[in-house]
Amino acid sequence: MPIDTIALEKAIKRAIPVTHLEIEDQSSGCGDNYAIVLVSEVFEKKTTLQRHRMVNELLKDQIAQMHAFSQKTYTPKQWEELQAKSS
């Protein structure tokens, strides 16, 4: 059964405080390939690997049903800096 963006969003927001979240279905709507950008204060003082493991554990049931899943995780400060650079 394909995963939809609403289910992913609910699972993430239920588990951690979210400052910013982008979910992109990269499989043309079939729900097999997602990319997310996730900004949260819970990522403070965590390495990228620790952040990704946290998200993978949080979404393990959904990820098991996907063909591909990619993520970019940022602290609010990192996200602000990234947005400032792209402006």
N, C-alpha and C. Protein backbone atom coordinates (compact mmCIF):
# COMPACT_ATOMS: atom_id res chain seq x y z
N MET A 1 0.84 -1.18 0.00
CA MET A 1 0.00 0.00 0.00
C MET A 1 0.89 1.24 0.00
N PRO A 2 0.66 2.17 -0.90
CA PRO A 2 1.50 3.35 -0.98
C PRO A 2 1.30 4.27 0.23
N ILE A 3 2.36 4.98 0.55
CA ILE A 3 2.33 5.96 1.63
C ILE A 3 1.96 7.32 1.03
N ASP A 4 1.18 8.09 1.74
CA ASP A 4 0.87 9.43 1.23
C ASP A 4 1.53 10.50 2.10
N THR A 5 1.60 11.69 1.57
CA THR A 5 2.30 12.78 2.26
C THR A 5 1.62 13.13 3.58
N ILE A 6 0.33 13.01 3.64
CA ILE A 6 -0.38 13.34 4.88
C ILE A 6 0.01 12.38 6.01
N ALA A 7 0.13 11.10 5.68
CA ALA A 7 0.53 10.11 6.69
C ALA A 7 1.94 10.40 7.19
N LEU A 8 2.84 10.73 6.27
CA LEU A 8 4.21 11.07 6.67
C LEU A 8 4.23 12.32 7.56
N GLU A 9 3.51 13.33 7.14
CA GLU A 9 3.47 14.58 7.90
C GLU A 9 2.94 14.33 9.32
N LYS A 10 1.87 13.59 9.44
CA LYS A 10 1.29 13.30 10.76
C LYS A 10 2.26 12.53 11.64
N ALA A 11 2.93 11.53 11.07
CA ALA A 11 3.87 10.72 11.84
C ALA A 11 5.02 11.58 12.37
N ILE A 12 5.52 12.47 11.54
CA ILE A 12 6.63 13.32 11.95
C ILE A 12 6.18 14.32 13.01
N LYS A 13 5.09 15.01 12.74
CA LYS A 13 4.63 16.05 13.66
C LYS A 13 4.13 15.50 14.99
N ARG A 14 3.70 14.26 15.00
CA ARG A 14 3.28 13.62 16.25
C ARG A 14 4.48 13.35 17.15
N ALA A 15 5.64 13.10 16.56
CA ALA A 15 6.80 12.65 17.32
C ALA A 15 7.76 13.76 17.74
N ILE A 16 7.91 14.78 16.91
CA ILE A 16 8.88 15.83 17.23
C ILE A 16 8.32 17.21 16.89
N PRO A 17 8.81 18.24 17.58
CA PRO A 17 8.38 19.60 17.23
C PRO A 17 9.02 20.01 15.90
N VAL A 18 8.20 20.49 15.00
CA VAL A 18 8.66 20.82 13.65
C VAL A 18 8.59 22.32 13.43
N THR A 19 9.72 22.89 13.00
CA THR A 19 9.77 24.30 12.64
C THR A 19 9.40 24.48 11.17
N HIS A 20 9.87 23.55 10.33
CA HIS A 20 9.61 23.59 8.90
C HIS A 20 9.65 22.16 8.37
N LEU A 21 8.73 21.85 7.46
CA LEU A 21 8.68 20.51 6.88
C LEU A 21 8.25 20.60 5.43
N GLU A 22 9.05 20.00 4.56
CA GLU A 22 8.69 19.85 3.15
C GLU A 22 8.72 18.36 2.84
N ILE A 23 7.68 17.89 2.21
CA ILE A 23 7.60 16.50 1.79
C ILE A 23 7.32 16.48 0.31
N GLU A 24 8.19 15.81 -0.43
CA GLU A 24 8.03 15.75 -1.89
C GLU A 24 7.92 14.29 -2.34
N ASP A 25 6.81 13.98 -2.98
CA ASP A 25 6.64 12.66 -3.58
C ASP A 25 7.37 12.69 -4.92
N GLN A 26 8.49 12.01 -4.99
CA GLN A 26 9.30 12.02 -6.21
C GLN A 26 8.98 10.85 -7.12
N SER A 27 7.86 10.18 -6.85
CA SER A 27 7.48 9.01 -7.65
C SER A 27 6.25 9.28 -8.51
N SER A 28 6.01 10.53 -8.82
CA SER A 28 4.86 10.92 -9.66
C SER A 28 3.52 10.47 -9.07
N GLY A 29 3.43 10.49 -7.75
CA GLY A 29 2.16 10.23 -7.10
C GLY A 29 1.91 8.81 -6.65
N CYS A 30 2.82 7.89 -6.90
CA CYS A 30 2.54 6.50 -6.49
C CYS A 30 2.98 6.21 -5.05
N GLY A 31 3.67 7.14 -4.40
CA GLY A 31 4.02 6.97 -2.99
C GLY A 31 5.17 6.04 -2.70
N ASP A 32 6.04 5.81 -3.67
CA ASP A 32 7.16 4.90 -3.47
C ASP A 32 8.50 5.59 -3.23
N ASN A 33 8.56 6.90 -3.43
CA ASN A 33 9.83 7.61 -3.34
C ASN A 33 9.58 9.01 -2.79
N TYR A 34 10.09 9.25 -1.59
CA TYR A 34 9.89 10.55 -0.95
C TYR A 34 11.21 11.19 -0.58
N ALA A 35 11.20 12.51 -0.62
CA ALA A 35 12.31 13.32 -0.12
C ALA A 35 11.71 14.32 0.86
N ILE A 36 12.37 14.48 2.00
CA ILE A 36 11.87 15.44 2.97
C ILE A 36 12.97 16.42 3.37
N VAL A 37 12.54 17.60 3.74
CA VAL A 37 13.38 18.59 4.40
C VAL A 37 12.71 18.84 5.74
N LEU A 38 13.45 18.61 6.80
CA LEU A 38 12.89 18.69 8.14
C LEU A 38 13.75 19.59 9.02
N VAL A 39 13.11 20.57 9.62
CA VAL A 39 13.79 21.50 10.52
C VAL A 39 13.17 21.36 11.90
N SER A 40 14.01 21.09 12.89
CA SER A 40 13.51 20.92 14.25
C SER A 40 14.59 21.24 15.26
N GLU A 41 14.15 21.74 16.40
CA GLU A 41 15.08 22.04 17.48
C GLU A 41 15.65 20.77 18.10
N VAL A 42 15.01 19.62 17.92
CA VAL A 42 15.54 18.38 18.49
C VAL A 42 16.86 17.96 17.84
N PHE A 43 17.20 18.57 16.72
CA PHE A 43 18.45 18.24 16.03
C PHE A 43 19.66 18.99 16.59
N GLU A 44 19.42 19.92 17.51
CA GLU A 44 20.53 20.66 18.12
C GLU A 44 21.51 19.66 18.74
N LYS A 45 22.78 19.90 18.53
CA LYS A 45 23.88 19.10 19.12
C LYS A 45 23.87 17.64 18.67
N LYS A 46 23.24 17.36 17.53
CA LYS A 46 23.26 16.01 16.96
C LYS A 46 23.97 16.05 15.61
N THR A 47 24.70 15.00 15.32
CA THR A 47 25.35 14.91 14.01
C THR A 47 24.30 14.58 12.95
N THR A 48 24.68 14.74 11.71
CA THR A 48 23.76 14.39 10.61
C THR A 48 23.35 12.93 10.71
N LEU A 49 24.29 12.07 11.01
CA LEU A 49 23.99 10.64 11.13
C LEU A 49 22.99 10.39 12.25
N GLN A 50 23.16 11.04 13.40
CA GLN A 50 22.23 10.87 14.50
C GLN A 50 20.83 11.36 14.13
N ARG A 51 20.78 12.47 13.42
CA ARG A 51 19.49 13.02 12.98
C ARG A 51 18.78 12.05 12.04
N HIS A 52 19.54 11.54 11.07
CA HIS A 52 18.94 10.63 10.08
C HIS A 52 18.49 9.33 10.73
N ARG A 53 19.26 8.84 11.67
CA ARG A 53 18.84 7.63 12.37
C ARG A 53 17.56 7.87 13.15
N MET A 54 17.46 9.05 13.75
CA MET A 54 16.26 9.41 14.51
C MET A 54 15.03 9.41 13.59
N VAL A 55 15.16 10.05 12.44
CA VAL A 55 14.05 10.11 11.49
C VAL A 55 13.74 8.73 10.93
N ASN A 56 14.77 7.97 10.61
CA ASN A 56 14.56 6.61 10.09
C ASN A 56 13.81 5.74 11.10
N GLU A 57 14.17 5.86 12.36
CA GLU A 57 13.49 5.09 13.41
C GLU A 57 12.04 5.56 13.54
N LEU A 58 11.84 6.85 13.50
CA LEU A 58 10.51 7.43 13.61
C LEU A 58 9.58 6.96 12.47
N LEU A 59 10.14 6.85 11.28
CA LEU A 59 9.34 6.50 10.09
C LEU A 59 9.60 5.08 9.58
N LYS A 60 10.12 4.22 10.44
CA LYS A 60 10.54 2.89 9.96
C LYS A 60 9.42 2.10 9.28
N ASP A 61 8.20 2.19 9.79
CA ASP A 61 7.09 1.45 9.17
C ASP A 61 6.78 1.99 7.78
N GLN A 62 6.79 3.32 7.65
CA GLN A 62 6.50 3.94 6.36
C GLN A 62 7.64 3.70 5.37
N ILE A 63 8.87 3.85 5.83
CA ILE A 63 10.03 3.66 4.95
C ILE A 63 10.09 2.23 4.43
N ALA A 64 9.68 1.28 5.24
CA ALA A 64 9.69 -0.13 4.82
C ALA A 64 8.78 -0.37 3.62
N GLN A 65 7.81 0.50 3.41
CA GLN A 65 6.88 0.35 2.30
C GLN A 65 7.28 1.15 1.07
N MET A 66 8.41 1.87 1.16
CA MET A 66 8.85 2.73 0.06
C MET A 66 9.99 2.08 -0.72
N HIS A 67 10.16 2.55 -1.92
CA HIS A 67 11.31 2.15 -2.72
C HIS A 67 12.53 3.00 -2.35
N ALA A 68 12.31 4.31 -2.12
CA ALA A 68 13.41 5.21 -1.79
C ALA A 68 12.93 6.31 -0.86
N PHE A 69 13.86 6.76 0.01
CA PHE A 69 13.56 7.83 0.95
C PHE A 69 14.83 8.62 1.18
N SER A 70 14.75 9.93 1.01
CA SER A 70 15.91 10.78 1.31
C SER A 70 15.47 11.91 2.23
N GLN A 71 16.43 12.38 3.00
CA GLN A 71 16.10 13.41 3.97
C GLN A 71 17.23 14.42 4.13
N LYS A 72 16.82 15.64 4.40
CA LYS A 72 17.75 16.69 4.79
C LYS A 72 17.22 17.23 6.10
N THR A 73 18.07 17.26 7.11
CA THR A 73 17.65 17.67 8.44
C THR A 73 18.49 18.85 8.90
N TYR A 74 17.82 19.84 9.47
CA TYR A 74 18.49 21.06 9.90
C TYR A 74 17.96 21.51 11.26
N THR A 75 18.81 22.24 11.97
CA THR A 75 18.35 22.96 13.15
C THR A 75 17.70 24.25 12.65
N PRO A 76 16.90 24.92 13.46
CA PRO A 76 16.32 26.19 13.02
C PRO A 76 17.40 27.21 12.61
N LYS A 77 18.50 27.25 13.34
CA LYS A 77 19.58 28.19 13.01
C LYS A 77 20.20 27.84 11.66
N GLN A 78 20.47 26.57 11.41
CA GLN A 78 21.03 26.15 10.12
C GLN A 78 20.06 26.49 8.99
N TRP A 79 18.78 26.28 9.21
CA TRP A 79 17.78 26.56 8.19
C TRP A 79 17.74 28.06 7.87
N GLU A 80 17.79 28.88 8.92
CA GLU A 80 17.82 30.34 8.73
C GLU A 80 19.01 30.75 7.89
N GLU A 81 20.18 30.21 8.21
CA GLU A 81 21.40 30.52 7.47
C GLU A 81 21.29 30.07 6.01
N LEU A 82 20.74 28.91 5.79
CA LEU A 82 20.57 28.39 4.45
C LEU A 82 19.62 29.28 3.65
N GLN A 83 18.54 29.70 4.27
CA GLN A 83 17.58 30.57 3.59
C GLN A 83 18.20 31.94 3.28
N ALA A 84 19.03 32.44 4.19
CA ALA A 84 19.68 33.72 3.98
C ALA A 84 20.65 33.66 2.79
N LYS A 85 21.36 32.53 2.66
CA LYS A 85 22.30 32.36 1.55
C LYS A 85 21.57 32.31 0.21
N SER A 86 20.40 31.69 0.19
CA SER A 86 19.68 31.52 -1.07
C SER A 86 18.87 32.75 -1.46
N SER A 87 18.82 33.73 -0.59
CA SER A 87 18.07 34.98 -0.90
C SER A 87 18.92 35.95 -1.67
